[in-house]
Protein backbone atom coordinates (compact mmCIF):
# COMPACT_ATOMS: atom_id res chain seq x y z
CA MET A 1 -36.87 47.98 -71.01
CA ARG A 2 -39.73 45.53 -70.82
CA ARG A 3 -41.83 44.57 -67.85
CA GLY A 4 -41.07 41.28 -66.05
CA ARG A 5 -41.94 38.70 -68.69
CA PRO A 6 -40.12 39.48 -71.93
CA GLY A 7 -42.41 38.95 -74.90
CA ALA A 8 -45.62 39.69 -72.95
CA LEU A 9 -46.87 43.24 -73.31
CA SER A 10 -50.00 44.45 -71.61
CA ARG A 11 -53.06 44.76 -73.78
CA GLY A 12 -53.57 48.29 -75.00
CA THR A 13 -50.29 49.68 -73.70
CA ALA A 14 -47.10 50.59 -75.46
CA GLU A 15 -43.72 49.38 -74.33
CA ARG A 16 -42.02 51.80 -71.93
CA THR A 17 -38.41 52.71 -72.11
CA LEU A 18 -36.52 54.02 -69.10
CA THR A 19 -33.19 55.74 -69.30
CA SER A 20 -30.48 55.75 -66.67
CA VAL A 21 -26.79 56.22 -66.20
CA GLY A 22 -24.65 53.18 -65.48
CA THR A 23 -24.65 49.54 -66.47
CA GLY A 24 -25.23 46.17 -64.88
CA ASP A 25 -24.61 42.52 -65.65
CA ALA A 26 -26.55 40.86 -68.44
CA VAL A 27 -29.25 38.31 -67.73
CA ASP A 28 -27.78 34.86 -68.41
CA GLY A 29 -30.92 33.48 -70.00
CA THR A 30 -31.69 30.84 -67.35
CA ALA A 31 -34.79 31.33 -65.25
CA GLY A 32 -35.28 30.26 -61.67
CA PRO A 33 -38.60 29.51 -59.94
CA GLY A 34 -41.11 32.28 -60.47
CA GLU A 35 -38.86 34.14 -62.91
CA PRO A 36 -39.64 35.04 -66.50
CA ASP A 37 -38.24 32.45 -68.91
CA GLY A 38 -36.12 34.93 -70.87
CA ALA A 39 -37.96 34.21 -74.13
CA GLY A 40 -38.49 37.10 -76.49
CA GLU A 41 -36.61 40.32 -77.04
CA THR A 42 -34.70 41.74 -74.10
CA GLY A 43 -32.59 44.82 -73.61
CA ARG A 44 -29.61 42.61 -74.45
CA ASP A 45 -31.12 41.96 -77.91
CA ARG A 46 -31.18 45.71 -78.51
CA GLY A 47 -27.58 46.16 -77.38
CA GLU A 48 -28.53 47.28 -73.87
CA VAL A 49 -27.46 45.48 -70.70
CA SER A 50 -30.34 44.46 -68.43
CA ARG A 51 -30.89 42.39 -65.32
CA LEU A 52 -33.80 40.84 -63.47
CA TRP A 53 -34.91 42.46 -60.23
CA HIS A 54 -37.33 40.99 -57.69
CA VAL A 55 -39.74 43.73 -56.60
CA THR A 56 -41.97 43.76 -53.53
CA LEU A 57 -44.32 46.76 -53.39
CA SER A 58 -46.33 47.36 -50.19
CA VAL A 59 -49.34 49.68 -50.08
CA SER A 60 -51.80 50.61 -47.34
CA GLY A 61 -54.57 53.02 -46.46
CA ALA A 62 -58.14 53.28 -45.28
CA GLU A 63 -60.12 50.07 -45.05
CA ALA A 64 -61.86 48.90 -48.21
CA PRO A 65 -64.19 45.93 -48.76
CA LEU A 66 -62.14 42.75 -49.24
CA GLY A 67 -64.07 41.81 -52.37
CA GLU A 68 -63.25 45.12 -54.02
CA VAL A 69 -59.57 44.85 -53.09
CA ARG A 70 -59.37 41.33 -54.50
CA ARG A 71 -61.19 42.31 -57.70
CA ALA A 72 -58.89 45.32 -58.21
CA LEU A 73 -55.73 43.22 -57.73
CA GLU A 74 -57.07 40.53 -60.05
CA GLN A 75 -57.77 43.21 -62.67
CA LEU A 76 -54.24 44.57 -62.26
CA ALA A 77 -52.81 41.06 -62.68
CA HIS A 78 -55.01 40.46 -65.74
CA ASP A 79 -53.98 43.75 -67.36
CA HIS A 80 -50.32 43.27 -66.48
CA PRO A 81 -49.33 39.59 -66.50
CA PHE A 82 -45.85 40.36 -65.17
CA LEU A 83 -47.32 40.31 -61.64
CA LEU A 84 -46.44 37.09 -59.86
CA THR A 85 -48.44 37.28 -56.69
CA SER A 86 -50.46 39.70 -54.62
CA ARG A 87 -51.48 39.34 -51.01
CA TYR A 88 -54.11 41.59 -49.51
CA ALA A 89 -56.19 42.57 -46.50
CA ASN A 90 -58.84 45.26 -46.17
CA ASP A 91 -56.25 47.96 -45.41
CA HIS A 92 -53.00 46.84 -47.07
CA ALA A 93 -51.57 44.76 -49.90
CA GLU A 94 -48.26 43.43 -51.17
CA ILE A 95 -47.43 42.92 -54.84
CA ARG A 96 -44.44 40.84 -55.96
CA TYR A 97 -43.01 40.44 -59.44
CA TRP A 98 -39.88 40.32 -61.57
CA GLU A 99 -38.82 43.46 -63.41
CA GLU A 100 -36.29 43.61 -66.21
CA ALA A 101 -34.25 46.80 -66.06
CA ARG A 102 -30.72 48.06 -66.58
CA ASP A 103 -30.24 48.95 -62.92
CA LEU A 104 -31.93 49.22 -59.55
CA HIS A 105 -32.90 52.85 -60.17
CA ASP A 106 -34.89 51.94 -63.29
CA ALA A 107 -36.59 48.97 -61.60
CA ALA A 108 -37.50 51.09 -58.56
CA ALA A 109 -38.82 53.94 -60.74
CA VAL A 110 -41.19 51.60 -62.55
CA ALA A 111 -42.32 50.03 -59.26
CA LEU A 112 -43.00 53.41 -57.66
CA ARG A 113 -45.26 54.38 -60.58
CA LEU A 114 -47.15 51.06 -60.74
CA TRP A 115 -49.87 51.71 -58.16
CA GLY A 116 -50.65 55.30 -59.15
CA GLU A 117 -50.64 54.72 -62.90
CA HIS A 118 -53.08 51.82 -62.64
CA ARG A 119 -55.27 53.11 -59.82
CA SER A 120 -58.11 54.22 -62.11
CA THR A 121 -57.96 51.47 -64.78
CA ALA A 122 -57.93 48.62 -62.24
CA ARG A 123 -60.02 50.60 -59.70
CA LEU A 124 -57.38 50.10 -57.03
CA PRO A 125 -58.02 51.51 -53.53
CA PRO A 126 -56.64 55.02 -52.93
CA TRP A 127 -53.80 53.67 -50.84
CA GLU A 128 -50.24 54.96 -50.67
CA ILE A 129 -47.00 53.11 -51.20
CA VAL A 130 -45.49 52.38 -47.79
CA GLY A 131 -42.71 50.00 -48.73
CA LEU A 132 -40.53 48.98 -51.64
CA GLU A 133 -37.87 46.32 -51.86
CA VAL A 134 -35.91 45.79 -55.06
CA ILE A 135 -33.22 43.09 -55.02
CA ASP A 136 -31.21 41.55 -57.80
CA ARG A 137 -31.70 37.97 -58.89
CA GLU A 138 -28.53 36.71 -57.21
CA THR A 139 -29.52 38.21 -53.84
CA TYR A 140 -33.04 36.77 -54.16
CA HIS A 141 -31.69 33.27 -54.77
CA GLN A 142 -29.09 33.62 -52.00
CA ARG A 143 -31.82 34.56 -49.51
CA ILE A 144 -33.98 31.62 -50.56
CA ALA A 145 -31.04 29.21 -50.29
CA GLU A 146 -30.27 30.49 -46.77
CA GLY A 147 -33.90 30.05 -45.73
CA TYR A 148 -34.90 33.68 -45.28
CA GLY A 149 -36.14 36.54 -47.39
CA PRO A 150 -39.18 36.55 -49.62
CA LEU A 151 -40.42 33.02 -50.21
CA PRO A 152 -40.76 31.94 -53.83
CA ALA A 153 -43.90 33.48 -55.26
CA THR A 154 -46.07 30.39 -55.14
CA PRO A 155 -48.88 30.03 -55.45
CA VAL A 156 -48.97 32.62 -58.20
CA GLY A 157 -52.06 34.82 -58.11
CA VAL A 158 -54.06 37.01 -55.76
CA HIS A 159 -54.46 35.71 -52.18
CA PRO A 160 -55.53 37.06 -48.78
CA PHE A 161 -52.85 37.49 -46.10
């Protein structure tokens, strides 16, 4: 399993593999707005079935200086280019990205580890995860078409709420 953008590994980190029971539908190779382009090796290339999942991770905690929060999120995005967009305030933040995984359980497991595993390297605030939404690509596009749900992740980057 590779993080969001197939073919782009983080500097200094090894590829992670998650294991789960069950299968899903294969990614069809066409990318929508804000999605990875499907280039590079995927689980499908290795004989595994994988799908794209849109992840929204919400964190909050004690107030921190806005400049430090922004710098930490920018560092996280630099270290891990799979991140699409981050929004932040002095006491909470939201991170959105595409994850490639065999099923929802794998995508959620990676998302739930994201903040804690990168807290020290990116100097993220000591906030806790307070929300997680993981939806499949079809549901994401259906919500957008119906005019509700998470808006397409533009502009890409780190922005205040």
